[in-house]
Protein backbone atom coordinates (compact mmCIF):
# COMPACT_ATOMS: atom_id res chain seq x y z
CA UNK A 1 23.08 -63.97 -14.80
CA UNK A 2 21.19 -60.84 -15.80
CA UNK A 3 22.72 -59.14 -18.84
CA UNK A 4 22.38 -55.54 -19.96
CA UNK A 5 23.42 -53.69 -23.11
CA UNK A 6 23.87 -49.94 -23.53
CA UNK A 7 24.53 -48.40 -26.96
CA UNK A 8 22.40 -49.63 -29.85
CA UNK A 9 24.14 -48.15 -32.86
CA UNK A 10 25.07 -49.81 -36.14
CA UNK A 11 27.25 -52.40 -34.42
CA UNK A 12 25.71 -52.50 -30.96
CA UNK A 13 22.31 -53.59 -32.24
CA UNK A 14 23.42 -56.84 -33.95
CA UNK A 15 25.68 -57.74 -31.01
CA UNK A 16 22.80 -57.16 -28.60
CA UNK A 17 20.50 -59.18 -30.86
CA UNK A 18 22.96 -62.08 -30.81
CA UNK A 19 23.09 -61.97 -27.01
CA UNK A 20 19.32 -61.89 -26.78
CA UNK A 21 18.88 -64.80 -29.17
CA UNK A 22 21.53 -66.88 -27.40
CA UNK A 23 20.54 -66.19 -23.79
CA UNK A 24 16.82 -65.48 -23.99
CA UNK A 25 17.01 -62.33 -21.86
CA UNK A 26 18.55 -58.89 -22.13
CA UNK A 27 17.96 -55.52 -20.52
CA UNK A 28 18.62 -52.67 -22.94
CA UNK A 29 19.02 -48.91 -22.80
CA UNK A 30 19.71 -46.37 -25.50
CA UNK A 31 19.61 -42.58 -25.36
CA UNK A 32 17.45 -42.62 -28.49
CA UNK A 33 14.67 -44.89 -27.27
CA UNK A 34 13.38 -45.73 -30.75
CA UNK A 35 16.53 -47.75 -31.41
CA UNK A 36 15.44 -50.26 -28.76
CA UNK A 37 12.29 -51.22 -30.68
CA UNK A 38 13.76 -54.02 -32.79
CA UNK A 39 15.13 -55.71 -29.67
CA UNK A 40 11.94 -55.21 -27.68
CA UNK A 41 10.04 -57.01 -30.44
CA UNK A 42 12.31 -60.02 -29.81
CA UNK A 43 11.76 -60.01 -26.05
CA UNK A 44 14.36 -57.63 -24.65
CA UNK A 45 13.36 -55.53 -21.64
CA UNK A 46 13.64 -51.75 -21.97
CA UNK A 47 15.11 -49.68 -19.17
CA UNK A 48 14.36 -46.01 -18.74
CA UNK A 49 17.85 -45.08 -17.59
CA UNK A 50 21.41 -46.27 -17.20
CA UNK A 51 20.82 -46.36 -13.46
CA UNK A 52 17.87 -48.72 -13.79
CA UNK A 53 19.71 -51.07 -16.13
CA UNK A 54 22.88 -51.18 -14.01
CA UNK A 55 20.95 -51.91 -10.83
CA UNK A 56 19.23 -54.91 -12.47
CA UNK A 57 22.27 -56.53 -14.11
CA UNK A 58 25.23 -58.72 -13.21
CA UNK A 59 27.06 -57.97 -16.46
CA UNK A 60 26.68 -54.78 -18.50
CA UNK A 61 27.98 -54.42 -22.05
CA UNK A 62 28.57 -50.93 -23.40
CA UNK A 63 29.27 -49.85 -26.96
CA UNK A 64 29.24 -46.07 -27.29
CA UNK A 65 30.91 -43.62 -29.63
CA UNK A 66 33.78 -42.18 -27.60
CA UNK A 67 35.43 -41.59 -24.23
CA UNK A 68 33.07 -38.76 -23.31
CA UNK A 69 30.00 -40.92 -23.93
CA UNK A 70 31.45 -43.81 -21.93
CA UNK A 71 32.36 -41.53 -19.05
CA UNK A 72 28.88 -40.00 -19.13
CA UNK A 73 27.19 -43.37 -18.58
CA UNK A 74 29.74 -44.66 -16.07
CA UNK A 75 31.04 -41.93 -13.80
CA UNK A 76 28.14 -39.99 -12.30
CA UNK A 77 25.76 -40.93 -9.48
CA UNK A 78 23.25 -42.28 -11.99
CA UNK A 79 25.91 -44.17 -13.92
CA UNK A 80 27.01 -47.78 -14.14
CA UNK A 81 29.67 -47.74 -11.41
CA UNK A 82 27.43 -46.20 -8.76
CA UNK A 83 24.58 -48.63 -9.42
CA UNK A 84 26.01 -51.96 -10.59
CA UNK A 85 25.87 -54.54 -7.81
CA UNK A 86 29.11 -55.60 -6.06
CA UNK A 87 30.82 -58.28 -8.11
CA UNK A 88 29.18 -57.00 -11.27
CA UNK A 89 31.12 -56.80 -14.52
CA UNK A 90 31.27 -53.89 -16.96
CA UNK A 91 32.38 -55.08 -20.41
CA UNK A 92 33.40 -52.08 -22.50
CA UNK A 93 33.34 -52.77 -26.26
CA UNK A 94 34.03 -49.15 -27.19
CA UNK A 95 37.19 -47.88 -28.86
CA UNK A 96 38.65 -45.48 -26.29
CA UNK A 97 41.91 -43.96 -25.08
CA UNK A 98 43.82 -46.58 -23.06
CA UNK A 99 44.18 -44.28 -20.07
CA UNK A 100 40.39 -43.99 -19.89
CA UNK A 101 40.16 -47.77 -19.48
CA UNK A 102 42.60 -47.62 -16.55
CA UNK A 103 40.57 -44.87 -14.88
CA UNK A 104 37.28 -46.73 -15.29
CA UNK A 105 38.80 -49.98 -14.06
CA UNK A 106 40.01 -48.25 -10.89
CA UNK A 107 36.58 -46.70 -10.36
CA UNK A 108 34.81 -50.04 -10.64
CA UNK A 109 37.33 -51.64 -8.30
CA UNK A 110 36.51 -48.99 -5.69
CA UNK A 111 32.88 -50.17 -5.91
CA UNK A 112 33.97 -53.84 -5.63
CA UNK A 113 33.09 -54.42 -9.27
CA UNK A 114 35.06 -55.49 -12.34
CA UNK A 115 35.90 -53.86 -15.67
CA UNK A 116 36.94 -55.74 -18.80
CA UNK A 117 38.19 -54.00 -21.94
CA UNK A 118 36.77 -55.77 -24.97
CA UNK A 119 36.97 -53.58 -28.10
CA UNK A 120 35.70 -55.30 -31.21
CA UNK A 121 36.86 -55.68 -34.80
CA UNK A 122 34.19 -56.12 -37.46
CA UNK A 123 31.47 -54.33 -39.37
CA UNK A 124 27.72 -54.83 -38.71
CA UNK A 125 27.50 -57.58 -41.34
CA UNK A 126 30.24 -59.47 -39.49
CA UNK A 127 28.27 -59.16 -36.27
CA UNK A 128 25.15 -60.57 -37.93
CA UNK A 129 27.24 -63.44 -39.33
CA UNK A 130 28.88 -64.03 -35.92
CA UNK A 131 32.33 -63.31 -37.39
CA UNK A 132 33.55 -60.68 -34.91
CA UNK A 133 36.97 -60.51 -33.29
CA UNK A 134 37.05 -59.28 -29.68
CA UNK A 135 40.27 -58.00 -28.11
CA UNK A 136 40.17 -58.46 -24.33
CA UNK A 137 42.25 -57.48 -21.31
CA UNK A 138 41.72 -57.36 -17.58
CA UNK A 139 41.63 -59.67 -14.57
CA UNK A 140 42.07 -63.18 -16.06
CA UNK A 141 39.41 -64.72 -13.82
CA UNK A 142 36.88 -62.08 -14.84
CA UNK A 143 37.86 -62.35 -18.51
CA UNK A 144 37.11 -66.08 -18.36
CA UNK A 145 33.62 -65.30 -17.02
CA UNK A 146 33.11 -62.82 -19.84
CA UNK A 147 34.28 -64.91 -22.78
CA UNK A 148 31.22 -67.21 -23.10
CA UNK A 149 29.02 -64.14 -23.46
CA UNK A 150 31.31 -62.58 -26.06
CA UNK A 151 30.95 -65.76 -28.11
CA UNK A 152 27.18 -65.53 -27.69
CA UNK A 153 27.41 -61.91 -28.80
CA UNK A 154 28.94 -62.92 -32.12
CA UNK A 155 32.62 -63.63 -31.56
CA UNK A 156 34.38 -65.83 -34.06
CA UNK A 157 37.59 -65.33 -32.10
CA UNK A 158 38.68 -63.74 -28.82
CA UNK A 159 42.22 -62.39 -28.56
CA UNK A 160 43.57 -61.97 -25.04
CA UNK A 161 46.09 -59.22 -24.27
CA UNK A 162 46.78 -59.89 -20.63
CA UNK A 163 45.93 -58.43 -17.26
CA UNK A 164 46.72 -54.75 -17.90
CA UNK A 165 43.24 -53.52 -18.71
CA UNK A 166 44.29 -50.86 -21.22
CA UNK A 167 46.29 -53.18 -23.47
CA UNK A 168 43.30 -54.33 -25.53
CA UNK A 169 42.54 -50.67 -26.24
CA UNK A 170 46.11 -50.06 -27.43
CA UNK A 171 45.77 -53.06 -29.74
CA UNK A 172 42.45 -51.76 -31.09
CA UNK A 173 43.92 -48.33 -31.88
CA UNK A 174 46.78 -50.02 -33.72
CA UNK A 175 44.26 -52.11 -35.66
CA UNK A 176 42.12 -49.14 -36.66
CA UNK A 177 45.19 -47.17 -37.71
CA UNK A 178 46.14 -50.06 -40.01
CA UNK A 179 42.59 -50.30 -41.34
CA UNK A 180 42.32 -46.66 -42.37
CA UNK A 181 45.86 -46.83 -43.79
CA UNK A 182 44.70 -49.73 -45.98
CA UNK A 183 41.64 -47.77 -47.12
CA UNK A 184 43.74 -44.75 -48.05
CA UNK A 185 46.38 -46.84 -49.84
CA UNK A 186 43.76 -48.73 -51.86
CA UNK A 187 42.08 -45.45 -52.81
CA UNK A 188 45.37 -43.89 -53.93
CA UNK A 189 46.48 -46.95 -55.89
CA UNK A 190 43.05 -47.28 -57.49
CA UNK A 191 43.16 -43.67 -58.61
CA UNK A 192 46.66 -44.14 -60.02
CA UNK A 193 45.54 -47.25 -61.90
CA UNK A 194 42.42 -45.60 -63.29
CA UNK A 195 44.07 -42.35 -64.36
CA UNK A 196 46.80 -44.37 -66.03
CA UNK A 197 44.24 -46.18 -68.18
CA UNK A 198 43.92 -49.49 -66.32
CA UNK A 199 40.57 -51.16 -65.73
CA UNK A 200 40.23 -50.63 -61.97
CA UNK A 201 37.98 -53.66 -61.50
CA UNK A 202 40.46 -55.90 -63.32
CA UNK A 203 43.32 -54.57 -61.21
CA UNK A 204 41.36 -55.07 -57.96
CA UNK A 205 40.46 -58.63 -59.00
CA UNK A 206 44.14 -59.33 -59.49
CA UNK A 207 45.41 -57.97 -56.17
CA UNK A 208 42.58 -59.47 -54.07
CA UNK A 209 43.14 -62.90 -55.56
CA UNK A 210 46.92 -62.87 -55.22
CA UNK A 211 49.22 -60.96 -52.87
CA UNK A 212 46.41 -59.07 -51.10
CA UNK A 213 43.92 -61.92 -50.73
CA UNK A 214 42.65 -60.84 -47.32
CA UNK A 215 39.19 -59.84 -46.03
CA UNK A 216 40.15 -56.22 -45.35
CA UNK A 217 41.37 -55.68 -48.92
CA UNK A 218 38.40 -57.46 -50.48
CA UNK A 219 35.82 -55.62 -48.34
CA UNK A 220 37.19 -52.12 -48.71
CA UNK A 221 38.20 -52.36 -52.36
CA UNK A 222 34.62 -53.35 -53.19
CA UNK A 223 33.24 -50.33 -51.31
CA UNK A 224 35.74 -48.01 -52.98
CA UNK A 225 34.98 -49.35 -56.46
CA UNK A 226 31.26 -48.79 -55.92
CA UNK A 227 31.83 -45.49 -54.08
CA UNK A 228 29.24 -46.82 -51.62
CA UNK A 229 29.83 -44.27 -48.88
CA UNK A 230 26.19 -44.07 -47.74
CA UNK A 231 24.70 -45.46 -45.63
CA UNK A 232 27.76 -45.57 -43.41
CA UNK A 233 28.80 -48.79 -41.72
CA UNK A 234 31.38 -46.86 -39.68
CA UNK A 235 31.22 -43.08 -39.63
CA UNK A 236 34.23 -41.20 -40.98
CA UNK A 237 34.09 -38.85 -37.98
CA UNK A 238 34.52 -41.86 -35.66
CA UNK A 239 37.43 -43.07 -37.75
CA UNK A 240 39.00 -39.65 -37.29
CA UNK A 241 38.37 -39.95 -33.56
CA UNK A 242 40.29 -43.23 -33.53
CA UNK A 243 43.19 -41.79 -35.54
CA UNK A 244 43.34 -38.91 -33.05
CA UNK A 245 43.39 -41.38 -30.15
CA UNK A 246 46.19 -43.35 -31.80
CA UNK A 247 48.20 -40.14 -32.25
CA UNK A 248 47.48 -39.18 -28.64
CA UNK A 249 48.78 -42.55 -27.44
CA UNK A 250 51.77 -42.25 -29.80
CA UNK A 251 52.66 -38.88 -28.29
CA UNK A 252 52.37 -40.33 -24.80
CA UNK A 253 54.84 -43.16 -25.52
CA UNK A 254 56.97 -41.15 -27.99
CA UNK A 255 56.24 -43.32 -31.03
CA UNK A 256 56.40 -41.24 -34.26
CA UNK A 257 53.47 -41.81 -36.65
CA UNK A 258 54.02 -39.70 -39.79
CA UNK A 259 51.48 -41.73 -41.78
CA UNK A 260 48.98 -41.23 -38.97
CA UNK A 261 49.52 -37.46 -39.12
CA UNK A 262 48.79 -37.46 -42.86
CA UNK A 263 45.66 -39.58 -42.38
CA UNK A 264 44.45 -37.07 -39.80
CA UNK A 265 44.87 -34.24 -42.33
CA UNK A 266 42.92 -36.18 -44.97
CA UNK A 267 40.10 -37.02 -42.57
CA UNK A 268 39.96 -33.51 -41.09
CA UNK A 269 39.49 -32.25 -44.66
CA UNK A 270 36.64 -34.70 -45.26
CA UNK A 271 34.83 -33.74 -42.06
CA UNK A 272 35.25 -30.04 -42.88
CA UNK A 273 33.55 -30.70 -46.23
CA UNK A 274 30.55 -32.29 -44.54
CA UNK A 275 31.39 -35.97 -44.99
CA UNK A 276 31.68 -36.90 -41.32
CA UNK A 277 28.51 -39.02 -41.46
CA UNK A 278 29.73 -40.90 -44.54
CA UNK A 279 31.44 -44.28 -44.23
CA UNK A 280 35.11 -43.92 -43.38
CA UNK A 281 35.99 -45.22 -46.85
CA UNK A 282 34.91 -41.74 -47.99
CA UNK A 283 38.41 -40.60 -47.09
CA UNK A 284 38.90 -41.40 -50.81
CA UNK A 285 36.87 -38.27 -51.63
CA UNK A 286 39.78 -36.14 -50.40
CA UNK A 287 41.69 -37.36 -53.47
CA UNK A 288 39.14 -35.98 -55.94
């Protein structure tokens, strides 16, 4: 089984490193070639193009920034679908619009290939610690073939959402909407506590060791207390992209999201002020 990985960003790199360490082989490609260096030092094999990598691999993992980037490496004559061997599997880890997953799945099927949606929950540190959560959907037989490699890539858990390939992407958008809602609510409550004279650290210690004793509250409250917005673990502009995708899906299925609309306004404001490359916790800056 020849494996390939495309997209070596903050999260893609540690997942690819896990795969390489666990399997002993990995073909890699990244638009910015310098980002491949750390993997090449560990024995990965560099490819000069998406076409080359796809033609060499039985299973290709992709983790790119958005729908446009995923389409760019999949749809054209030099892309994954046109060059992956029959029976090959494209495992998409990216957070994308659910309809895009359906389109790509149909394209791969026309080439006698398979597509599995496998968006991931977890920051780079979670990937390095092998504590990721993968959300998967697609053909159950193909999903079963994929799961051992997701565990090797750093999964602590794999959550299956059935045969409809877009369902894992819907779940991921719901998750990311909740995550940024938590960030915003912590930031607002922290500001209220501080401006009212409370010790913010003391208050955070209380909530994260009682009613809100959960990883998401502990992780993000620590970042917000330290105002550690750089370097980014997840860019604010990508968080905004995910909120926009959630609102787009909400409009499609007629599900009102008034909180989502407000989050979009906050994040649009942050990007307009030049904070798009900050961590998405920098949404708190809109409250200043």
